[in-house]
Structure formats: C-alpha cells, structure tokens
Amino acid sequence: MSLKGKIKFYRRLDVRMAFWYTITFLTTILIIFGFLDYRFQHNLLKEIDRMLIDETHEIINQILKHPLSIKEKLKSQEEIVAKRRYYPIAFQVFDHQLNLIYTCSKLPGFIFPKPSLDEKNFIIPVLKKSVKGSRKNLPFRLHTYFYREGSKLKYVVQVATELKIMRKSVENFRENLMVAFVVAFLFGSVGGWILSRKNLKPIDTLTEAIKRINANQLNERLPIQGIDDELDRLALTVNEMIERVEEYLKKLTQFTADAAHELRTPITALKGETEVLLSRKRSSEEYQEALINNLERLDYLTRLINNLLLLSQADEGKASLEFKTINLTNLLRELQEAFFLVAEQKKINL
C-alpha cells in the first residue's frame, strides 16, 4: 500500500493545500464581487442624481424665464416627464416661505416630505437622500434644491423618482455575480487541486528516491531540479547528509575489519600455543611458562582493545590521539616471542 493510502484523506497535504487554495481564491472573488456590487449601485445612483439635478435645473429655468406663468410652464413640464418610460419624475415647488406653488406627484406610494429651512440648507444647496415609500417599501430618490439670489432664498424645488428599475438592475447584476461565483468555485476547486498536485509532485519524487536509499545503496542521491527553490535546497542538504553517513559507514566498516585483523593475530597465537602445550605432557615449569606467556598475550589483547576503543572515540571526536615514536626492534621481539611456540610446532625458524 502506498504512503498516501495510509494517510486519512482530509489529512493529506495535497487535500489541505487544495482547500486553502480554494478558500483564498474564493475570498478574493468575494471581495472583488462585493466591490463590483458597491460600484455598480454607486454609479447607478450617481446617474440618477445627475438626471434629477438636470430636471431641477430645467424647472428652475422655466420658473425664471416665465415668472408670471409658472403654473402653466410647470404643467407643460409635467406633461413632458409623464411620457417617460423609465424613472418617472415627480416634483413640487415652494416659495421662500415654503408655500406650495405647484405639485406633480405621480409616483404611486410616494409622499413628498415637507422641506425644512435649517441653517445647513443655506450652506448645502442640494440635499440628496433615499427614502422608503408607503407601498411595499419601494425605494425612492429625493432631491431638495434651495434656489437663492444672493443670500436670499427664492424657491425650494423637490424632485423625486422611483428606484424600482435600479433595484431590478442590481438584483440582475447580483444574480450574474452568483452564477459567476459558482463557476469560480468549480474552477477554483479544480485549479487548487491541480496546483497542489503539481507543487507536491517534486516531493513525491524525493520520497521515492529516499525509499531506494539504504545501507547497501548509499550511492543513490536525491534529484536536483536546478531551480534553486526550497525543495532543491532540501535535496542538497539531504544529499550532504547521505554523503556523511556513507563516509561514516565506510570508516565503520574499515574499523571493523582492522579490529578483526588485530584481534585475530594474538588470539591465533594464544590458541596455537595452548594447542602445542596440550599436545603432550609437560613439566610444571613448562606449564607455568606457558601460562605466563598467555597472561602476557591477554594483557596485549587488553591493551589492543583499549586502543581500538580510543580510536573509536577519536573518530567520534570524544578523544584526541597522541602520536609517539616506537622501537620496531622491541615490537618485532614481542611478536617473535608471541609466535615462537606456534612456529616451532610448524617447524618454522624465526
């Protein structure tokens, strides 16, 4: 069974990466869609405000051009705006004392609020606001314009239109955004999965390469893609570690072989001398001499084992070696004494 098969599906790295890819992508899409929705409503509202301002200016122009026949001209203006198919207009005009001069209220469910002569109205010539109608809470947009000549208030004009068309446009736009969101979710999920699998493919390659490396195949190395990314640096680090392990195992093998060779020689001599000693009856002096020789060889083995242990500690950096000059003549004499009986038995002249 593969390693992936042993890991629970929701714990797999590619599944988690695909999940976070998708979440990040969808979060970005939601932010963009929210911004688009806001900008769409804002731009529609700006266009409606621009239309209401134009209508207000047209009404003011009619009043200023024909001050003696205001109602007739406003009646004509009412007939003009009544022919509109979209964004029907309602308006009313007051004098400087807020006495109603003319009203055209043909927006079902809408009632004009009475304007107020607050001090701020003398600073802000046009008040813009959205209001709710009395029927089904239909939204309306209302402009209240304070026309002054110098610092003296002359007329107050209120112009309103319904926002039903705008609301339908916004609803249609949101429906399109919802469809786009579903499509983005599908593509984001599939794309996140593909990206996660593509990004994790080098890790699978490294995993398979590591599986092939063992004590008998330390010559294997992890592949390097050559793009100097995090995975390449990881592979280089692991390869350097494998080289150190390989070098250590070579030293260990060499040390084992050397230790076996160094131990085999005195043990062979000890065994050979004992066999010679037991080959026939000998005097107590000869036995005593043989035991003394064996004890010397055992001391030699003890020193040899201690030396091997010191070498092992030196390889690990736990001890330092001190090199000394030795006398080869004494060393050869000790070897002659160690193998004298074995050589005598085999009729070898030392």
Protein backbone atom coordinates (compact mmCIF):
# COMPACT_ATOMS: atom_id res chain seq x y z
CA MET A 1 0.00 0.00 0.00
CA SER A 2 1.32 3.45 -0.86
CA LEU A 3 2.03 6.05 1.76
CA LYS A 4 -0.92 8.14 0.56
CA GLY A 5 -3.24 5.20 1.13
CA LYS A 6 -2.19 5.05 4.80
CA ILE A 7 -2.98 8.75 5.42
CA LYS A 8 -6.55 9.85 6.02
CA PHE A 9 -7.93 11.78 3.08
CA TYR A 10 -8.53 15.04 4.96
CA ARG A 11 -5.02 14.88 6.48
CA ARG A 12 -3.24 14.62 3.15
CA LEU A 13 -1.10 17.62 2.32
CA ASP A 14 -2.42 17.94 -1.24
CA VAL A 15 -6.02 17.99 0.04
CA ARG A 16 -5.22 20.66 2.63
CA MET A 17 -3.31 22.74 0.09
CA ALA A 18 -6.20 22.49 -2.39
CA PHE A 19 -8.61 23.52 0.38
CA TRP A 20 -6.60 26.62 1.29
CA TYR A 21 -6.03 27.48 -2.38
CA THR A 22 -9.79 27.37 -2.91
CA ILE A 23 -10.58 29.35 0.26
CA THR A 24 -8.07 32.05 -0.66
CA PHE A 25 -9.33 32.23 -4.23
CA LEU A 26 -12.99 32.41 -3.20
CA THR A 27 -12.25 35.03 -0.55
CA THR A 28 -10.58 37.14 -3.20
CA ILE A 29 -13.53 36.63 -5.54
CA LEU A 30 -15.99 37.64 -2.80
CA ILE A 31 -14.04 40.82 -2.09
CA ILE A 32 -13.93 41.68 -5.80
CA PHE A 33 -17.63 40.89 -6.26
CA GLY A 34 -18.53 42.98 -3.21
CA PHE A 35 -16.54 45.89 -4.61
CA LEU A 36 -18.19 45.49 -8.03
CA ASP A 37 -21.65 45.38 -6.43
CA TYR A 38 -20.91 48.55 -4.47
CA ARG A 39 -19.50 50.36 -7.50
CA PHE A 40 -22.43 49.27 -9.67
CA GLN A 41 -25.01 50.63 -7.21
CA HIS A 42 -22.95 53.77 -6.64
CA ASN A 43 -22.65 54.50 -10.37
CA LEU A 44 -26.35 53.88 -10.96
CA LEU A 45 -27.21 56.22 -8.11
CA LYS A 46 -24.86 58.87 -9.49
CA GLU A 47 -26.59 58.69 -12.88
CA ILE A 48 -29.99 59.04 -11.22
CA ASP A 49 -28.75 62.01 -9.16
CA ARG A 50 -27.40 63.63 -12.32
CA MET A 51 -30.79 63.16 -14.00
CA LEU A 52 -32.62 64.68 -11.01
CA ILE A 53 -30.26 67.65 -10.96
CA ASP A 54 -30.88 68.25 -14.65
CA GLU A 55 -34.62 68.12 -14.07
CA THR A 56 -34.28 70.54 -11.15
CA HIS A 57 -32.30 72.98 -13.27
CA GLU A 58 -34.89 72.70 -16.05
CA ILE A 59 -37.70 73.51 -13.60
CA ILE A 60 -35.78 76.49 -12.19
CA ASN A 61 -35.11 77.77 -15.70
CA GLN A 62 -38.79 77.55 -16.54
CA ILE A 63 -39.68 79.48 -13.40
CA LEU A 64 -37.07 82.19 -14.01
CA LYS A 65 -37.99 82.63 -17.67
CA HIS A 66 -41.73 82.78 -17.04
CA PRO A 67 -42.32 84.16 -13.53
CA LEU A 68 -45.85 85.26 -14.42
CA SER A 69 -46.99 81.90 -15.79
CA ILE A 70 -45.20 79.48 -13.52
CA LYS A 71 -48.04 77.01 -13.15
CA GLU A 72 -48.63 76.79 -16.90
CA LYS A 73 -44.98 76.14 -17.63
CA LEU A 74 -44.73 73.60 -14.82
CA LYS A 75 -47.83 71.90 -16.20
CA SER A 76 -46.08 71.63 -19.55
CA GLN A 77 -43.02 70.24 -17.80
CA GLU A 78 -45.22 67.71 -16.04
CA GLU A 79 -46.63 66.52 -19.39
CA ILE A 80 -43.09 66.09 -20.72
CA VAL A 81 -41.84 63.98 -17.81
CA ALA A 82 -45.07 61.96 -17.79
CA LYS A 83 -44.10 60.46 -21.15
CA ARG A 84 -41.00 58.81 -19.73
CA ARG A 85 -41.00 55.04 -19.62
CA TYR A 86 -38.17 54.62 -17.16
CA TYR A 87 -37.51 56.60 -13.99
CA PRO A 88 -40.76 58.65 -13.87
CA ILE A 89 -40.42 62.04 -12.22
CA ALA A 90 -42.49 63.77 -9.54
CA PHE A 91 -41.78 67.31 -8.34
CA GLN A 92 -43.14 70.16 -6.35
CA VAL A 93 -42.18 73.84 -5.99
CA PHE A 94 -42.37 76.12 -2.92
CA ASP A 95 -41.76 79.82 -2.49
CA HIS A 96 -39.33 81.29 0.02
CA GLN A 97 -41.88 80.86 2.83
CA LEU A 98 -42.46 77.18 1.89
CA ASN A 99 -45.89 77.92 0.43
CA LEU A 100 -46.71 75.31 -2.21
CA ILE A 101 -46.73 76.75 -5.73
CA TYR A 102 -47.08 73.58 -7.78
CA THR A 103 -47.03 69.83 -7.20
CA CYS A 104 -46.75 66.91 -9.54
CA SER A 105 -46.93 63.69 -7.55
CA LYS A 106 -47.49 60.78 -9.89
CA LEU A 107 -45.29 58.22 -8.14
CA PRO A 108 -47.52 55.56 -6.57
CA GLY A 109 -46.71 55.04 -2.93
CA PHE A 110 -44.57 58.16 -2.60
CA ILE A 111 -45.38 61.20 -0.44
CA PHE A 112 -43.14 64.25 -0.50
CA PRO A 113 -41.72 65.15 2.91
CA LYS A 114 -42.05 68.82 3.72
CA PRO A 115 -38.73 70.65 3.33
CA SER A 116 -37.11 72.32 6.31
CA LEU A 117 -35.35 75.68 6.41
CA ASP A 118 -32.46 74.63 8.61
CA GLU A 119 -29.32 76.71 8.65
CA LYS A 120 -27.39 73.97 6.88
CA ASN A 121 -29.66 74.33 3.87
CA PHE A 122 -28.08 77.70 3.31
CA ILE A 123 -24.70 76.00 3.06
CA ILE A 124 -25.69 72.89 1.07
CA PRO A 125 -27.83 73.91 -1.96
CA VAL A 126 -28.95 70.35 -2.79
CA LEU A 127 -29.98 67.70 -0.27
CA LYS A 128 -29.86 64.14 -1.62
CA LYS A 129 -31.34 61.15 0.13
CA SER A 130 -33.07 57.83 -0.48
CA VAL A 131 -36.46 57.34 1.14
CA LYS A 132 -38.92 54.48 1.52
CA GLY A 133 -42.38 54.69 0.02
CA SER A 134 -45.60 53.77 1.76
CA ARG A 135 -46.30 50.84 -0.57
CA LYS A 136 -44.19 47.67 -0.27
CA ASN A 137 -41.32 49.80 0.99
CA LEU A 138 -40.44 50.80 -2.55
CA PRO A 139 -37.27 52.92 -2.63
CA PHE A 140 -37.26 56.47 -3.99
CA ARG A 141 -34.57 59.06 -4.58
CA LEU A 142 -35.35 62.65 -3.49
CA HIS A 143 -33.54 65.91 -4.24
CA THR A 144 -34.42 69.12 -2.43
CA TYR A 145 -32.93 72.20 -4.12
CA PHE A 146 -32.75 75.61 -2.43
CA TYR A 147 -32.51 78.32 -5.04
CA ARG A 148 -31.18 81.67 -3.84
CA GLU A 149 -30.50 85.00 -5.41
CA GLY A 150 -27.56 86.36 -3.48
CA SER A 151 -28.21 85.35 0.11
CA LYS A 152 -31.99 85.45 -0.17
CA LEU A 153 -33.96 82.22 -0.61
CA LYS A 154 -36.37 82.41 -3.60
CA TYR A 155 -37.64 78.90 -4.33
CA VAL A 156 -37.46 75.36 -2.98
CA VAL A 157 -37.77 72.58 -5.56
CA GLN A 158 -38.21 68.90 -4.69
CA VAL A 159 -37.69 66.30 -7.40
CA ALA A 160 -38.08 62.56 -6.86
CA THR A 161 -38.02 59.34 -8.86
CA GLU A 162 -38.52 55.72 -8.02
CA LEU A 163 -35.58 53.28 -7.78
CA LYS A 164 -37.50 50.18 -8.83
CA ILE A 165 -35.61 49.91 -12.12
CA MET A 166 -32.33 50.40 -10.32
CA ARG A 167 -33.24 47.72 -7.78
CA LYS A 168 -34.09 45.27 -10.56
CA SER A 169 -30.82 46.08 -12.30
CA VAL A 170 -28.95 45.45 -9.06
CA GLU A 171 -30.80 42.17 -8.50
CA ASN A 172 -29.97 41.00 -12.04
CA PHE A 173 -26.35 42.02 -11.53
CA ARG A 174 -26.20 40.06 -8.26
CA GLU A 175 -27.73 37.01 -9.94
CA ASN A 176 -24.99 37.19 -12.57
CA LEU A 177 -22.40 37.52 -9.81
CA MET A 178 -23.85 34.44 -8.10
CA VAL A 179 -23.56 32.41 -11.30
CA ALA A 180 -20.02 33.69 -11.75
CA PHE A 181 -19.26 32.75 -8.12
CA VAL A 182 -20.46 29.17 -8.65
CA VAL A 183 -18.34 28.89 -11.80
CA ALA A 184 -15.39 30.42 -9.94
CA PHE A 185 -15.89 27.94 -7.10
CA LEU A 186 -15.76 24.99 -9.50
CA PHE A 187 -12.73 26.29 -11.37
CA GLY A 188 -11.07 27.35 -8.11
CA SER A 189 -11.52 23.90 -6.57
CA VAL A 190 -10.25 22.06 -9.64
CA GLY A 191 -7.45 24.58 -10.13
CA GLY A 192 -6.47 24.36 -6.47
CA TRP A 193 -6.31 20.57 -6.69
CA ILE A 194 -4.22 20.68 -9.88
CA LEU A 195 -1.86 23.28 -8.41
CA SER A 196 -1.43 21.33 -5.17
CA ARG A 197 -0.68 18.10 -7.04
CA LYS A 198 1.76 19.92 -9.34
CA ASN A 199 3.55 21.56 -6.42
CA LEU A 200 3.73 18.30 -4.46
CA LYS A 201 4.96 16.19 -7.37
CA PRO A 202 8.65 17.01 -6.62
CA ILE A 203 8.05 15.89 -3.02
CA ASP A 204 6.71 12.54 -4.29
CA THR A 205 9.85 12.22 -6.43
CA LEU A 206 12.05 12.91 -3.40
CA THR A 207 10.06 10.41 -1.33
CA GLU A 208 10.53 7.63 -3.90
CA ALA A 209 14.25 8.42 -4.16
CA ILE A 210 14.64 8.28 -0.36
CA LYS A 211 12.88 4.89 -0.27
CA ARG A 212 15.59 3.46 -2.57
CA ILE A 213 18.40 4.57 -0.26
CA ASN A 214 19.58 2.00 2.29
CA ALA A 215 22.85 0.77 3.81
CA ASN A 216 23.69 -1.13 0.61
CA GLN A 217 22.77 1.71 -1.77
CA LEU A 218 24.24 4.82 -0.26
CA ASN A 219 25.48 5.87 -3.69
CA GLU A 220 21.91 6.98 -4.52
CA ARG A 221 21.28 10.73 -4.40
CA LEU A 222 18.11 12.83 -4.44
CA PRO A 223 17.36 14.51 -7.79
CA ILE A 224 18.02 18.25 -8.10
CA GLN A 225 15.66 20.23 -10.35
CA GLY A 226 18.12 23.09 -10.75
CA ILE A 227 15.67 25.90 -9.98
CA ASP A 228 17.21 26.69 -6.57
CA ASP A 229 13.93 26.61 -4.65
CA GLU A 230 13.23 25.27 -1.17
CA LEU A 231 12.96 21.68 -2.42
CA ASP A 232 16.32 21.93 -4.20
CA ARG A 233 17.95 23.21 -1.01
CA LEU A 234 16.30 20.39 0.94
CA ALA A 235 17.56 17.81 -1.56
CA LEU A 236 21.09 19.27 -1.38
CA THR A 237 21.01 19.12 2.41
CA VAL A 238 19.81 15.50 2.41
CA ASN A 239 22.47 14.56 -0.17
CA GLU A 240 25.16 16.11 2.01
CA MET A 241 23.80 14.13 4.97
CA ILE A 242 23.87 10.91 2.92
CA GLU A 243 27.49 11.61 1.96
CA ARG A 244 28.40 11.99 5.63
CA VAL A 245 26.55 8.78 6.51
CA GLU A 246 28.28 6.96 3.65
CA GLU A 247 31.68 8.19 4.80
CA TYR A 248 30.89 7.19 8.38
CA LEU A 249 29.81 3.68 7.33
CA LYS A 250 33.00 3.28 5.29
CA LYS A 251 35.05 4.22 8.31
CA LEU A 252 32.98 1.88 10.46
CA THR A 253 33.49 -0.99 8.01
CA GLN A 254 37.21 -0.29 7.83
CA PHE A 255 37.43 -0.05 11.59
CA THR A 256 35.60 -3.38 11.99
CA ALA A 257 37.93 -5.05 9.50
CA ASP A 258 41.02 -3.60 11.21
CA ALA A 259 39.74 -4.60 14.64
CA ALA A 260 39.06 -8.15 13.46
CA HIS A 261 42.53 -8.37 11.93
CA GLU A 262 44.25 -7.00 15.04
CA LEU A 263 42.33 -9.35 17.34
CA ARG A 264 42.74 -12.43 15.15
CA THR A 265 46.55 -12.37 15.29
CA PRO A 266 47.05 -12.55 19.09
CA ILE A 267 44.09 -14.89 19.54
CA THR A 268 45.55 -17.22 16.90
CA ALA A 269 48.89 -17.13 18.70
CA LEU A 270 47.23 -17.79 22.05
CA LYS A 271 45.23 -20.68 20.64
CA GLY A 272 48.24 -22.15 18.83
CA GLU A 273 50.48 -22.04 21.91
CA THR A 274 47.74 -23.63 24.01
CA GLU A 275 47.31 -26.44 21.45
CA VAL A 276 51.07 -27.03 21.44
CA LEU A 277 51.10 -27.08 25.20
CA LEU A 278 48.32 -29.67 25.30
CA SER A 279 49.76 -31.86 22.57
CA ARG A 280 51.82 -33.86 25.11
CA LYS A 281 52.58 -33.99 28.79
CA ARG A 282 54.90 -31.29 30.02
CA SER A 283 56.58 -30.36 33.24
CA SER A 284 55.15 -27.89 35.70
CA GLU A 285 57.85 -25.39 34.70
CA GLU A 286 56.72 -25.55 31.08
CA TYR A 287 53.07 -25.08 32.10
CA GLN A 288 53.97 -22.15 34.28
CA GLU A 289 55.97 -20.55 31.45
CA ALA A 290 53.07 -21.09 29.05
CA LEU A 291 50.60 -19.52 31.48
CA ILE A 292 52.90 -16.55 31.90
CA ASN A 293 53.06 -16.18 28.10
CA ASN A 294 49.28 -16.46 27.86
CA LEU A 295 48.89 -13.81 30.55
CA GLU A 296 51.18 -11.51 28.57
CA ARG A 297 49.14 -12.12 25.46
CA LEU A 298 45.94 -11.41 27.39
CA ASP A 299 47.48 -8.14 28.59
CA TYR A 300 48.34 -7.39 24.98
CA LEU A 301 44.75 -8.08 23.96
CA THR A 302 43.52 -5.79 26.74
CA ARG A 303 45.79 -3.01 25.51
CA LEU A 304 44.70 -3.67 21.93
CA ILE A 305 41.01 -3.46 22.85
CA ASN A 306 41.64 -0.24 24.77
CA ASN A 307 43.49 1.18 21.79
CA LEU A 308 40.63 0.24 19.46
CA LEU A 309 38.21 1.91 21.84
CA LEU A 310 40.41 5.00 21.85
CA LEU A 311 40.41 5.04 18.04
CA SER A 312 36.63 4.79 18.04
CA GLN A 313 36.35 7.69 20.46
CA ALA A 314 38.80 9.69 18.36
CA ASP A 315 36.66 9.13 15.25
CA GLU A 316 33.66 10.46 17.20
CA GLY A 317 35.67 13.47 18.38
CA LYS A 318 35.45 12.40 22.04
CA ALA A 319 39.18 11.81 22.41
CA SER A 320 42.39 13.10 20.86
CA LEU A 321 45.22 10.89 19.63
CA GLU A 322 48.80 11.45 20.73
CA PHE A 323 51.44 10.15 18.31
CA LYS A 324 54.67 8.73 19.78
CA THR A 325 57.82 7.17 18.39
CA ILE A 326 58.11 3.41 18.95
CA ASN A 327 61.00 0.99 18.79
CA LEU A 328 60.37 -1.51 16.00
CA THR A 329 63.06 -3.85 17.40
CA ASN A 330 61.15 -4.31 20.64
CA LEU A 331 57.90 -4.73 18.72
CA LEU A 332 59.41 -7.44 16.49
CA ARG A 333 60.89 -9.17 19.56
CA GLU A 334 57.46 -9.26 21.21
CA LEU A 335 55.94 -10.74 18.04
CA GLN A 336 58.71 -13.37 17.92
CA GLU A 337 58.06 -14.37 21.50
CA ALA A 338 54.31 -14.47 20.87
CA PHE A 339 54.54 -16.83 17.89
CA PHE A 340 57.65 -18.82 18.91
CA LEU A 341 55.81 -21.97 20.04
CA VAL A 342 53.47 -21.94 17.05
CA ALA A 343 56.43 -21.54 14.69
CA GLU A 344 58.35 -24.31 16.49
CA GLN A 345 55.40 -26.70 16.13
CA LYS A 346 55.15 -25.93 12.43
CA LYS A 347 58.96 -26.14 12.12
CA ILE A 348 59.31 -22.51 11.08
CA ASN A 349 62.55 -20.82 12.00
CA LEU A 350 62.03 -17.28 13.35
